[in-house]
Amino acid sequence: MSIIIRDLSYVHSDKEVLFQHLNLVINPGDKIALTGNNGCGKSTLMRIIAGDLSATTGTVSHPEHLYYVPQHFGQYDDRTIAQALRIDGKLKALHAILNGDVSEKHFTTLNDDWNIEERAQAALSAWGMDGIPLSHLMGGLSGGEKTRIFLAGMELHSPVAILLDEPTNHLDATGRQRLYDFVRRTPAIVLVISHDRTLLNQLPAICELASNGLTFYGGNYDFFKEQKGIQLNALQEQLEEKQKALRLARKTARELAEQKAKQNVRGEKAAIKKGIPRIMMGTMKNRAEVSTNKLKSVHTEKAEKLQQDMQNIKSTLPLVEKLKTNFNASTLHEGKVLATAKEMNFQYPDAPQSMWTTPLSFQLRSGDRFYIEGNNGSGKTTLLKLLCGDLSAVSGTLDRIDFSTVYLDQEYSLIHNEYSILEQAEYFNRRHLPEHELKTILNRYLFPAATWNKSCRLLSGGEKMRLSFCCLMIADNTPDVFILDEPTNNLDIESIEIITATIRDYTGTVIAISHDKEFLKEINCKSWIKLESK
């Protein structure tokens, strides 16, 4: 059975239309990525398909055996793993029968699934959750562990259709690879929301959600990006044509106005020579002014129409084309040694042993770009803290000079949630820029006056990223080293393109933690340190 969306609309309680008149058919075996900018309604649409949310108008039909992996799992914190996987009823029935209760209701519930417990444990083990009891509460698990629990459910239930909302957000490289393999081999319908370009390239079709509806692209993400590039070039050509037409219209208007003014003066002089009465001259002057004003009005309307056309084109350009951030070069000369580690290791006070199986030896030089590789729990963030001087090596040595850093993590903790956007900008105004200049920079980073009083707590990941770069520009704070700790986790693809362009153009040192291989490649991180924890 297909997933069929007919004339679907969703309107918020405040009457704001999120999307309307959506139509889509996803046939058996189809694997489709659902893309679109933050706030366009992707997760809302997926929740409607899953049956967790009701549409304002329209209908959705889908196979009975549908499996949904949401982006956030907080609502499951008070449930056991068995309850989250919806197998608690079968487990209770199985144990009741094994304990001698042969009531018919237990056999009906179990439905001959006698090895449900073994299958569940096998599925969990396959996703790196070996040995965890099914009675364990979800609230005691990390984000990555919760994700793995729900992904294990795909293999446990063998659904006909699978909905995945940002499934790689908390997964390490091993987990991501298993997901890629699963998506490739499953015969089920797969609909995925993701910013993971590697995952998107596993899918043979892209469906883009925007305010004007759904647009279908028959190809993977690379094909989609190529098509968007063609569209962008066409828009930029249209914009250039409108700009040329506007310049020509203004030039023509000036020339005609000058000609008309000269003509009026010549006419007035001729009338005086001919001795035309003053009252007639006044009438002639009034007619000339009306004619001039009509001509001016025609050209003003033409210019205004061209300006409106240009504004409409600009509004459809991607953010990365509207926003360019150019940090100054680092003051450190390229190749200067920043840190040298020799047989370095670390151990937390309550840990039974050192962090890494093999002590670390490496050198960090100005201009280097490398990433830190390792599974969840391998000590990647610990290594960053050592390099920043926040922690000290327990064994071996780490010699470092003083260098300035900017730390961008997935929560963009440069941003103070208790501040408004304007207060956040003022906090970083250490150069005491005049207010009008501060507000000009905010506008440049796409924060117009209407947003200045908005709480930073309410900003999306992409907005926090833009505001972080905005604040660094206000402070004129170009660091010696950019430290990136999973900075793309909570971003949509358009926001990822902005941070990618910014970091790629920055000329200093970059240290990154990221499971997004495409991002690492595009910011030119070619070297790495691989961590193996004990």
Protein backbone atom coordinates (compact mmCIF):
# COMPACT_ATOMS: atom_id res chain seq x y z
CA MET A 1 0.00 0.00 0.00
CA SER A 2 1.17 3.53 -0.81
CA ILE A 3 1.37 6.65 1.35
CA ILE A 4 -1.08 9.08 -0.25
CA ILE A 5 -1.30 12.77 0.72
CA ARG A 6 -4.30 14.65 -0.69
CA ASP A 7 -4.80 18.44 -0.53
CA LEU A 8 -3.13 18.60 2.88
CA SER A 9 -2.95 21.88 4.83
CA TYR A 10 -1.85 22.79 8.34
CA VAL A 11 -2.64 26.07 10.07
CA HIS A 12 -1.21 26.99 13.49
CA SER A 13 -3.56 27.99 16.30
CA ASP A 14 -2.54 31.64 15.72
CA LYS A 15 -3.92 31.30 12.14
CA GLU A 16 -0.46 31.23 10.55
CA VAL A 17 -0.49 28.91 7.53
CA LEU A 18 2.46 26.48 7.71
CA PHE A 19 1.71 24.74 4.41
CA GLN A 20 -1.33 24.14 2.23
CA HIS A 21 -2.68 22.04 -0.65
CA LEU A 22 0.08 19.42 -0.50
CA ASN A 23 -0.27 16.36 -2.72
CA LEU A 24 2.12 13.41 -2.86
CA VAL A 25 2.03 9.67 -3.57
CA ILE A 26 4.83 7.46 -2.19
CA ASN A 27 4.59 4.02 -3.76
CA PRO A 28 5.75 0.68 -2.28
CA GLY A 29 9.56 0.49 -2.26
CA ASP A 30 10.03 4.25 -2.79
CA LYS A 31 12.81 5.90 -0.81
CA ILE A 32 12.46 9.66 -0.59
CA ALA A 33 14.18 12.48 1.30
CA LEU A 34 11.99 15.32 2.57
CA THR A 35 14.02 18.54 2.55
CA GLY A 36 13.33 22.20 3.21
CA ASN A 37 14.51 25.04 5.42
CA ASN A 38 14.04 25.10 9.18
CA GLY A 39 10.49 26.08 10.06
CA CYS A 40 8.90 25.04 6.75
CA GLY A 41 6.96 22.21 8.43
CA LYS A 42 8.88 19.01 7.60
CA SER A 43 8.53 17.46 11.07
CA THR A 44 4.90 18.59 11.28
CA LEU A 45 4.15 16.91 7.95
CA MET A 46 5.87 13.72 9.09
CA ARG A 47 3.91 13.70 12.38
CA ILE A 48 0.68 14.07 10.39
CA ILE A 49 1.65 11.11 8.19
CA ALA A 50 2.52 9.09 11.32
CA GLY A 51 -0.87 9.92 12.87
CA ASP A 52 0.60 11.85 15.83
CA LEU A 53 -0.94 15.12 14.65
CA SER A 54 -4.12 16.07 12.79
CA ALA A 55 -4.05 18.14 9.61
CA THR A 56 -6.24 21.23 9.33
CA THR A 57 -7.62 20.03 5.99
CA GLY A 58 -6.90 17.17 3.61
CA THR A 59 -6.26 13.47 4.14
CA VAL A 60 -3.39 11.01 4.52
CA SER A 61 -3.60 7.26 3.97
CA HIS A 62 -0.74 4.87 4.68
CA PRO A 63 0.04 1.18 5.25
CA GLU A 64 -1.06 -0.28 8.57
CA HIS A 65 2.48 -1.39 9.46
CA LEU A 66 4.15 2.03 9.61
CA TYR A 67 7.13 2.77 11.87
CA TYR A 68 8.08 6.30 12.97
CA VAL A 69 11.41 7.42 14.47
CA PRO A 70 10.89 10.98 15.79
CA GLN A 71 13.61 13.63 16.11
CA HIS A 72 13.10 14.13 19.86
CA PHE A 73 12.52 11.40 22.44
CA GLY A 74 11.74 13.28 25.68
CA GLN A 75 8.14 12.06 25.66
CA TYR A 76 9.41 8.50 26.16
CA ASP A 77 11.60 9.21 29.22
CA ASP A 78 9.15 7.67 31.70
CA ARG A 79 8.76 4.49 29.63
CA THR A 80 10.84 1.34 29.52
CA ILE A 81 12.66 0.27 26.36
CA ALA A 82 9.99 -2.43 25.89
CA GLN A 83 7.22 0.18 26.10
CA ALA A 84 9.01 2.56 23.72
CA LEU A 85 9.38 -0.32 21.24
CA ARG A 86 5.72 -1.27 21.77
CA ILE A 87 6.50 -4.87 22.70
CA ASP A 88 5.68 -4.65 26.43
CA GLY A 89 2.26 -6.27 25.88
CA LYS A 90 3.77 -9.27 24.11
CA LEU A 91 6.49 -9.64 26.76
CA LYS A 92 3.92 -9.61 29.58
CA ALA A 93 1.81 -12.19 27.75
CA LEU A 94 4.87 -14.40 27.10
CA HIS A 95 5.98 -14.34 30.75
CA ALA A 96 2.43 -14.93 31.96
CA ILE A 97 2.17 -18.06 29.78
CA LEU A 98 5.62 -19.28 30.88
CA ASN A 99 4.50 -18.83 34.49
CA GLY A 100 1.45 -21.04 33.92
CA ASP A 101 -1.30 -18.53 33.04
CA VAL A 102 -2.84 -20.05 29.89
CA SER A 103 -5.63 -17.49 29.44
CA GLU A 104 -6.68 -17.07 25.83
CA LYS A 105 -6.04 -13.32 25.95
CA HIS A 106 -2.30 -13.93 26.47
CA PHE A 107 -2.08 -16.22 23.42
CA THR A 108 -4.00 -13.64 21.36
CA THR A 109 -1.63 -10.85 22.46
CA LEU A 110 1.50 -12.94 21.85
CA ASN A 111 0.23 -14.02 18.40
CA ASP A 112 2.72 -16.91 18.20
CA ASP A 113 5.68 -14.52 18.55
CA TRP A 114 7.42 -16.87 21.00
CA ASN A 115 10.92 -15.51 20.42
CA ILE A 116 9.99 -11.81 20.77
CA GLU A 117 12.44 -11.34 23.65
CA GLU A 118 15.37 -12.91 21.78
CA ARG A 119 14.55 -10.94 18.62
CA ALA A 120 14.41 -7.69 20.58
CA GLN A 121 17.78 -8.32 22.23
CA ALA A 122 19.32 -9.31 18.88
CA ALA A 123 18.04 -6.12 17.24
CA LEU A 124 19.39 -3.97 20.10
CA SER A 125 22.73 -5.77 19.94
CA ALA A 126 22.97 -5.15 16.19
CA TRP A 127 22.60 -1.40 16.86
CA GLY A 128 25.31 -1.32 19.54
CA MET A 129 23.03 -1.72 22.59
CA ASP A 130 24.18 -5.19 23.56
CA GLY A 131 23.04 -6.48 26.97
CA ILE A 132 20.78 -3.58 27.93
CA PRO A 133 17.64 -4.86 29.71
CA LEU A 134 14.28 -4.21 28.09
CA SER A 135 13.06 -2.96 31.47
CA HIS A 136 15.57 -0.07 31.45
CA LEU A 137 13.96 3.39 31.53
CA MET A 138 14.46 5.53 28.42
CA GLY A 139 15.08 8.61 30.59
CA GLY A 140 18.44 7.20 31.70
CA LEU A 141 19.83 6.94 28.16
CA SER A 142 21.80 9.43 26.07
CA GLY A 143 20.42 10.92 22.87
CA GLY A 144 22.50 8.52 20.78
CA GLU A 145 21.33 5.50 22.79
CA LYS A 146 17.67 6.51 22.43
CA THR A 147 18.16 6.86 18.68
CA ARG A 148 19.70 3.38 18.48
CA ILE A 149 16.78 1.91 20.47
CA PHE A 150 14.27 3.27 17.96
CA LEU A 151 16.38 2.28 14.95
CA ALA A 152 16.58 -1.25 16.35
CA GLY A 153 12.78 -1.22 16.27
CA MET A 154 12.89 -1.06 12.46
CA GLU A 155 14.48 -4.49 12.33
CA LEU A 156 12.31 -5.82 15.13
CA HIS A 157 8.96 -4.86 13.55
CA SER A 158 9.79 -5.22 9.82
CA PRO A 159 7.38 -2.40 8.86
CA VAL A 160 5.98 -1.75 5.39
CA ALA A 161 6.76 1.98 5.68
CA ILE A 162 9.40 3.82 7.74
CA LEU A 163 9.46 7.52 8.68
CA LEU A 164 12.81 8.86 9.92
CA ASP A 165 13.16 12.40 11.32
CA GLU A 166 16.87 13.41 11.57
CA PRO A 167 17.95 9.85 12.47
CA THR A 168 21.72 10.57 12.36
CA ASN A 169 21.71 13.54 14.78
CA HIS A 170 23.26 11.61 17.68
CA LEU A 171 24.88 8.72 15.82
CA ASP A 172 28.60 8.12 15.59
CA ALA A 173 30.30 6.90 12.40
CA THR A 174 29.54 3.22 13.11
CA GLY A 175 25.86 3.89 13.75
CA ARG A 176 25.56 6.06 10.65
CA GLN A 177 27.11 3.40 8.44
CA ARG A 178 24.68 0.79 9.76
CA LEU A 179 21.78 3.13 8.99
CA TYR A 180 23.06 3.77 5.45
CA ASP A 181 23.30 0.01 4.88
CA PHE A 182 19.82 -0.60 6.30
CA VAL A 183 18.20 2.10 4.14
CA ARG A 184 19.85 0.67 1.02
CA ARG A 185 18.69 -2.91 1.64
CA THR A 186 15.22 -2.54 3.17
CA PRO A 187 12.26 -3.23 0.84
CA ALA A 188 10.07 -0.86 2.89
CA ILE A 189 8.89 2.61 1.89
CA VAL A 190 11.38 5.07 3.45
CA LEU A 191 10.70 8.78 4.01
CA VAL A 192 13.61 10.63 5.61
CA ILE A 193 14.12 14.12 7.00
CA SER A 194 17.87 14.68 7.31
CA HIS A 195 20.68 17.19 6.86
CA ASP A 196 23.18 14.31 6.47
CA ARG A 197 24.27 14.60 2.83
CA THR A 198 25.75 11.09 2.84
CA LEU A 199 22.37 9.65 3.88
CA LEU A 200 20.52 11.84 1.38
CA ASN A 201 22.72 10.49 -1.39
CA GLN A 202 21.52 6.95 -0.56
CA LEU A 203 17.99 8.01 -1.56
CA PRO A 204 16.97 8.08 -5.24
CA ALA A 205 14.46 10.95 -4.90
CA ILE A 206 14.15 14.29 -3.09
CA CYS A 207 10.94 16.09 -2.20
CA GLU A 208 11.40 19.74 -1.20
CA LEU A 209 8.82 21.38 1.08
CA ALA A 210 8.44 25.15 0.74
CA SER A 211 5.72 27.73 1.36
CA ASN A 212 4.46 27.20 -2.20
CA GLY A 213 4.12 23.41 -1.86
CA LEU A 214 6.09 20.23 -2.58
CA THR A 215 8.57 19.96 -5.47
CA PHE A 216 9.70 16.47 -6.52
CA TYR A 217 13.22 15.79 -7.87
CA GLY A 218 13.97 12.38 -9.38
CA GLY A 219 17.53 11.99 -8.16
CA ASN A 220 19.72 11.89 -5.05
CA TYR A 221 20.99 14.91 -3.13
CA ASP A 222 23.88 15.61 -5.51
CA PHE A 223 21.39 15.73 -8.40
CA PHE A 224 19.06 17.94 -6.32
CA LYS A 225 21.93 20.32 -5.53
CA GLU A 226 22.87 20.48 -9.21
CA GLN A 227 19.27 21.36 -10.16
CA LYS A 228 19.12 24.00 -7.42
CA GLY A 229 22.37 25.43 -8.78
CA ILE A 230 20.83 25.73 -12.25
CA GLN A 231 17.78 27.46 -10.73
CA LEU A 232 20.05 29.80 -8.75
CA ASN A 233 22.01 30.78 -11.87
CA ALA A 234 18.74 31.51 -13.67
CA LEU A 235 17.55 33.68 -10.75
CA GLN A 236 20.83 35.57 -10.66
CA GLU A 237 20.61 36.19 -14.43
CA GLN A 238 17.05 37.48 -13.98
CA LEU A 239 18.23 39.72 -11.14
CA GLU A 240 21.07 41.14 -13.28
CA GLU A 241 18.63 41.79 -16.15
CA LYS A 242 16.23 43.62 -13.81
CA GLN A 243 19.12 45.66 -12.38
CA LYS A 244 20.23 46.66 -15.91
CA ALA A 245 16.63 47.52 -16.85
CA LEU A 246 16.26 49.62 -13.68
CA ARG A 247 19.48 51.53 -14.39
CA LEU A 248 18.33 52.13 -17.99
CA ALA A 249 14.84 53.22 -16.85
CA ARG A 250 16.32 55.72 -14.40
CA LYS A 251 18.76 57.04 -17.02
CA THR A 252 15.94 57.38 -19.59
CA ALA A 253 13.72 59.12 -17.02
CA ARG A 254 16.48 61.64 -16.23
CA GLU A 255 17.20 62.33 -19.91
CA LEU A 256 13.52 62.75 -20.79
CA ALA A 257 12.98 65.00 -17.77
CA GLU A 258 15.91 67.18 -18.84
CA GLN A 259 14.64 67.30 -22.43
CA LYS A 260 11.13 68.18 -21.25
CA ALA A 261 12.46 70.93 -18.97
CA LYS A 262 14.48 72.43 -21.85
CA GLN A 263 11.45 72.15 -24.16
CA ASN A 264 9.26 73.95 -21.59
CA VAL A 265 11.81 76.76 -21.22
CA ARG A 266 12.08 77.15 -25.01
CA GLY A 267 8.28 77.21 -25.29
CA GLU A 268 8.00 79.88 -22.60
CA LYS A 269 10.61 82.07 -24.32
CA ALA A 270 8.86 81.67 -27.68
CA ALA A 271 5.52 82.65 -26.11
CA ILE A 272 7.03 85.83 -24.65
CA LYS A 273 8.50 86.77 -28.07
CA LYS A 274 5.13 86.26 -29.74
CA GLY A 275 3.48 88.48 -27.12
CA ILE A 276 1.04 85.81 -25.91
CA PRO A 277 -1.07 87.16 -23.02
CA ARG A 278 0.12 86.25 -19.48
CA ILE A 279 -3.11 84.32 -18.73
CA MET A 280 -2.53 82.11 -21.78
CA MET A 281 1.10 81.61 -20.77
CA GLY A 282 -0.10 80.42 -17.36
CA THR A 283 -2.39 77.88 -19.01
CA MET A 284 0.43 76.67 -21.24
CA LYS A 285 2.73 76.38 -18.22
CA ASN A 286 0.14 74.34 -16.33
CA ARG A 287 -0.27 72.00 -19.31
CA ALA A 288 3.50 71.58 -19.53
CA GLU A 289 3.68 70.72 -15.81
CA VAL A 290 0.84 68.19 -16.15
CA SER A 291 2.62 66.61 -19.11
CA THR A 292 5.93 66.51 -17.21
CA ASN A 293 4.26 64.97 -14.14
CA LYS A 294 2.53 62.34 -16.29
CA LEU A 295 5.84 61.42 -17.89
CA LYS A 296 7.51 61.30 -14.48
CA SER A 297 4.68 59.12 -13.11
CA VAL A 298 5.02 56.61 -15.97
CA HIS A 299 8.75 56.17 -15.35
CA THR A 300 8.31 56.08 -11.58
CA GLU A 301 5.78 53.25 -11.92
CA LYS A 302 8.14 51.38 -14.24
CA ALA A 303 11.04 51.78 -11.78
CA GLU A 304 8.87 50.69 -8.85
CA LYS A 305 7.71 47.62 -10.78
CA LEU A 306 11.32 46.68 -11.56
CA GLN A 307 12.32 47.20 -7.91
CA GLN A 308 9.44 44.97 -6.77
CA ASP A 309 10.46 42.30 -9.29
CA MET A 310 14.03 42.46 -7.96
CA GLN A 311 12.80 42.15 -4.38
CA ASN A 312 10.71 39.10 -5.30
CA ILE A 313 13.75 37.45 -6.93
CA LYS A 314 15.99 38.27 -3.94
CA SER A 315 13.44 36.74 -1.54
CA THR A 316 13.77 33.39 -3.35
CA LEU A 317 17.59 33.35 -3.24
CA PRO A 318 19.07 30.95 -0.66
CA LEU A 319 20.43 32.50 2.55
CA VAL A 320 23.99 31.55 1.67
CA GLU A 321 23.76 33.92 -1.34
CA LYS A 322 22.42 36.76 0.82
CA LEU A 323 24.90 36.35 3.64
CA LYS A 324 28.68 36.50 3.29
CA THR A 325 30.92 36.42 6.38
CA ASN A 326 34.57 37.27 5.85
CA PHE A 327 36.77 36.95 8.90
CA ASN A 328 40.17 38.61 8.93
CA ALA A 329 43.27 36.46 8.66
CA SER A 330 44.74 35.08 11.89
CA THR A 331 47.59 37.17 13.31
CA LEU A 332 49.68 34.00 13.74
CA HIS A 333 52.00 33.18 10.86
CA GLU A 334 51.23 29.91 9.07
CA GLY A 335 53.15 26.94 10.43
CA LYS A 336 53.70 28.33 13.94
CA VAL A 337 53.58 25.47 16.50
CA LEU A 338 50.52 25.92 18.74
CA ALA A 339 50.53 22.64 20.69
CA THR A 340 52.71 19.53 20.96
CA ALA A 341 51.47 16.31 22.63
CA LYS A 342 53.88 13.53 23.59
CA GLU A 343 52.48 10.23 24.90
CA MET A 344 49.59 12.24 26.39
CA ASN A 345 46.69 10.63 28.21
CA PHE A 346 43.93 11.74 30.55
CA GLN A 347 41.89 10.20 33.34
CA TYR A 348 38.86 11.63 35.11
CA PRO A 349 39.02 11.31 38.93
CA ASP A 350 36.12 8.84 39.14
CA ALA A 351 37.22 6.80 36.09
CA PRO A 352 38.84 3.38 36.64
CA GLN A 353 41.45 3.88 33.91
CA SER A 354 43.00 6.30 31.44
CA MET A 355 40.88 7.65 28.59
CA TRP A 356 42.72 6.28 25.55
CA THR A 357 44.07 2.85 24.68
CA THR A 358 47.06 4.42 22.95
CA PRO A 359 48.53 7.68 24.37
CA LEU A 360 48.39 10.57 21.91
CA SER A 361 51.37 12.17 20.19
CA PHE A 362 50.81 14.94 17.64
CA GLN A 363 51.60 18.55 16.78
CA LEU A 364 49.15 21.38 15.99
CA ARG A 365 50.42 24.21 13.77
CA SER A 366 48.80 27.45 12.70
CA GLY A 367 46.86 26.90 9.47
CA ASP A 368 46.24 23.20 10.14
CA ARG A 369 42.79 21.76 9.50
CA PHE A 370 42.05 18.40 11.08
CA TYR A 371 39.19 16.50 12.62
CA ILE A 372 39.01 14.24 15.65
CA GLU A 373 37.54 10.84 14.86
CA GLY A 374 36.09 8.29 17.27
CA ASN A 375 32.89 6.62 18.41
CA ASN A 376 30.60 8.08 21.07
CA GLY A 377 32.40 8.12 24.42
CA SER A 378 35.91 7.96 22.94
CA GLY A 379 36.97 11.29 24.48
CA LYS A 380 36.71 13.70 21.52
CA THR A 381 35.38 16.61 23.58
CA THR A 382 37.92 15.82 26.33
CA LEU A 383 40.73 16.25 23.79
CA LEU A 384 39.32 19.63 22.75
CA LYS A 385 39.32 20.76 26.39
CA LEU A 386 42.94 19.69 26.73
CA LEU A 387 43.91 21.66 23.61
CA CYS A 388 42.07 24.73 24.93
CA GLY A 389 43.85 24.49 28.29
CA ASP A 390 40.65 23.74 30.25
CA LEU A 391 42.06 20.34 31.32
CA SER A 392 45.62 19.16 32.00
CA ALA A 393 47.21 15.91 30.84
CA VAL A 394 47.44 13.23 33.55
CA SER A 395 50.32 11.42 31.86
CA GLY A 396 52.73 12.41 29.12
CA THR A 397 52.94 16.08 28.15
CA LEU A 398 50.96 18.70 26.26
CA ASP A 399 52.89 21.90 25.61
CA ARG A 400 50.82 24.75 24.20
CA ILE A 401 51.27 28.46 23.58
CA ASP A 402 48.50 30.98 24.22
CA PHE A 403 46.19 31.25 21.22
CA SER A 404 42.67 32.60 20.88
CA THR A 405 39.82 30.23 20.10
CA VAL A 406 36.16 30.39 19.26
CA TYR A 407 34.25 27.27 20.27
CA LEU A 408 31.17 26.48 18.19
CA ASP A 409 29.20 23.50 19.47
CA GLN A 410 25.89 22.03 18.36
CA GLU A 411 23.98 24.22 20.86
CA TYR A 412 25.87 27.41 19.85
CA SER A 413 26.55 28.20 23.51
CA LEU A 414 28.05 31.57 22.57
CA ILE A 415 24.40 32.63 22.63
CA HIS A 416 22.83 33.57 25.98
CA ASN A 417 19.29 32.19 25.96
CA GLU A 418 18.11 34.75 28.52
CA TYR A 419 19.01 37.66 26.20
CA SER A 420 17.04 39.13 23.33
CA ILE A 421 18.73 39.25 19.90
CA LEU A 422 19.60 42.94 20.37
CA GLU A 423 20.89 42.35 23.93
CA GLN A 424 23.07 39.52 22.63
CA ALA A 425 24.55 41.84 19.99
CA GLU A 426 25.11 44.59 22.59
CA TYR A 427 26.91 42.08 24.87
CA PHE A 428 29.50 41.53 22.12
CA ASN A 429 29.79 45.25 21.26
CA ARG A 430 33.20 45.58 22.94
CA ARG A 431 34.33 48.09 20.32
CA HIS A 432 31.50 50.43 21.37
CA LEU A 433 30.11 50.71 17.86
CA PRO A 434 27.35 53.33 17.52
CA GLU A 435 23.83 51.92 17.73
CA HIS A 436 23.02 52.47 14.06
CA GLU A 437 26.12 50.49 13.01
CA LEU A 438 25.23 47.65 15.40
CA LYS A 439 21.75 47.46 13.90
CA THR A 440 23.16 47.58 10.36
CA ILE A 441 25.27 44.48 11.13
CA LEU A 442 22.20 42.71 12.58
CA ASN A 443 20.30 43.47 9.38
CA ARG A 444 23.21 42.18 7.32
CA TYR A 445 22.92 38.85 9.18
CA LEU A 446 19.19 38.76 8.36
CA PHE A 447 17.92 39.94 11.75
CA PRO A 448 15.60 42.86 10.85
CA ALA A 449 14.16 45.29 13.43
CA ALA A 450 11.05 43.13 13.93
CA THR A 451 13.24 40.34 15.43
CA TRP A 452 15.43 42.39 17.80
CA ASN A 453 13.28 41.82 20.87
CA LYS A 454 12.88 38.08 20.21
CA SER A 455 14.32 35.84 22.94
CA CYS A 456 17.44 33.90 21.91
CA ARG A 457 15.84 30.87 23.61
CA LEU A 458 13.32 30.75 20.74
CA LEU A 459 15.88 30.75 17.93
CA SER A 460 16.42 27.73 15.68
CA GLY A 461 19.86 26.13 15.31
CA GLY A 462 20.43 28.01 12.05
CA GLU A 463 19.44 31.35 13.59
CA LYS A 464 21.79 30.76 16.55
CA MET A 465 24.59 29.96 14.14
CA ARG A 466 23.99 33.19 12.17
CA LEU A 467 23.78 35.22 15.38
CA SER A 468 27.05 33.66 16.63
CA PHE A 469 28.87 34.80 13.48
CA CYS A 470 27.14 38.19 13.71
CA CYS A 471 28.40 38.65 17.29
CA LEU A 472 31.95 37.67 16.30
CA MET A 473 31.88 40.30 13.56
CA ILE A 474 30.52 42.92 15.98
CA ALA A 475 33.34 42.13 18.41
CA ASP A 476 35.85 42.02 15.52
CA ASN A 477 36.85 38.71 17.07
CA THR A 478 38.74 36.69 14.48
CA PRO A 479 40.17 33.73 16.41
CA ASP A 480 43.48 31.99 15.86
CA VAL A 481 41.60 28.68 16.00
CA PHE A 482 38.00 27.77 15.21
CA ILE A 483 36.94 24.73 17.25
CA LEU A 484 33.84 23.01 15.84
CA ASP A 485 32.09 20.41 18.00
CA GLU A 486 29.30 18.83 15.91
CA PRO A 487 28.23 22.31 14.70
CA THR A 488 25.90 20.98 11.98
CA ASN A 489 23.80 18.67 14.18
CA ASN A 490 20.83 21.01 14.63
CA LEU A 491 21.03 22.82 11.30
CA ASP A 492 19.07 22.54 8.10
CA ILE A 493 20.94 22.14 4.82
CA GLU A 494 20.79 25.85 3.95
CA SER A 495 22.32 26.77 7.32
CA ILE A 496 24.99 24.08 6.86
CA GLU A 497 25.90 25.73 3.56
CA ILE A 498 26.34 29.08 5.35
CA ILE A 499 28.67 27.71 8.04
CA THR A 500 30.50 25.65 5.39
CA ALA A 501 31.15 28.74 3.24
CA THR A 502 32.22 30.78 6.29
CA ILE A 503 34.69 28.22 7.64
CA ARG A 504 36.00 27.34 4.17
CA ASP A 505 36.87 31.01 3.52
CA TYR A 506 38.45 31.54 6.95
CA THR A 507 42.26 31.41 6.68
CA GLY A 508 43.18 30.29 10.23
CA THR A 509 43.33 26.98 12.06
CA VAL A 510 40.33 24.61 12.27
CA ILE A 511 39.82 21.67 14.65
CA ALA A 512 36.56 19.80 14.09
CA ILE A 513 34.50 17.03 15.58
CA SER A 514 31.85 15.94 13.13
CA HIS A 515 30.31 12.75 11.80
CA ASP A 516 29.29 14.67 8.67
CA LYS A 517 31.95 13.57 6.18
CA GLU A 518 30.66 15.95 3.49
CA PHE A 519 31.02 18.93 5.83
CA LEU A 520 34.59 17.92 6.78
CA LYS A 521 35.50 17.52 3.12
CA GLU A 522 34.02 20.89 2.14
CA ILE A 523 35.87 22.80 4.89
CA ASN A 524 39.13 21.12 3.75
CA CYS A 525 39.80 19.00 6.86
CA LYS A 526 42.17 16.44 5.38
CA SER A 527 44.09 15.27 8.48
CA TRP A 528 42.67 13.54 11.52
CA ILE A 529 43.37 12.09 14.96
CA LYS A 530 41.62 8.79 15.62
CA LEU A 531 40.73 8.06 19.24
CA GLU A 532 40.23 4.60 20.71
CA SER A 533 38.92 4.52 24.27
CA LYS A 534 39.45 1.70 26.72
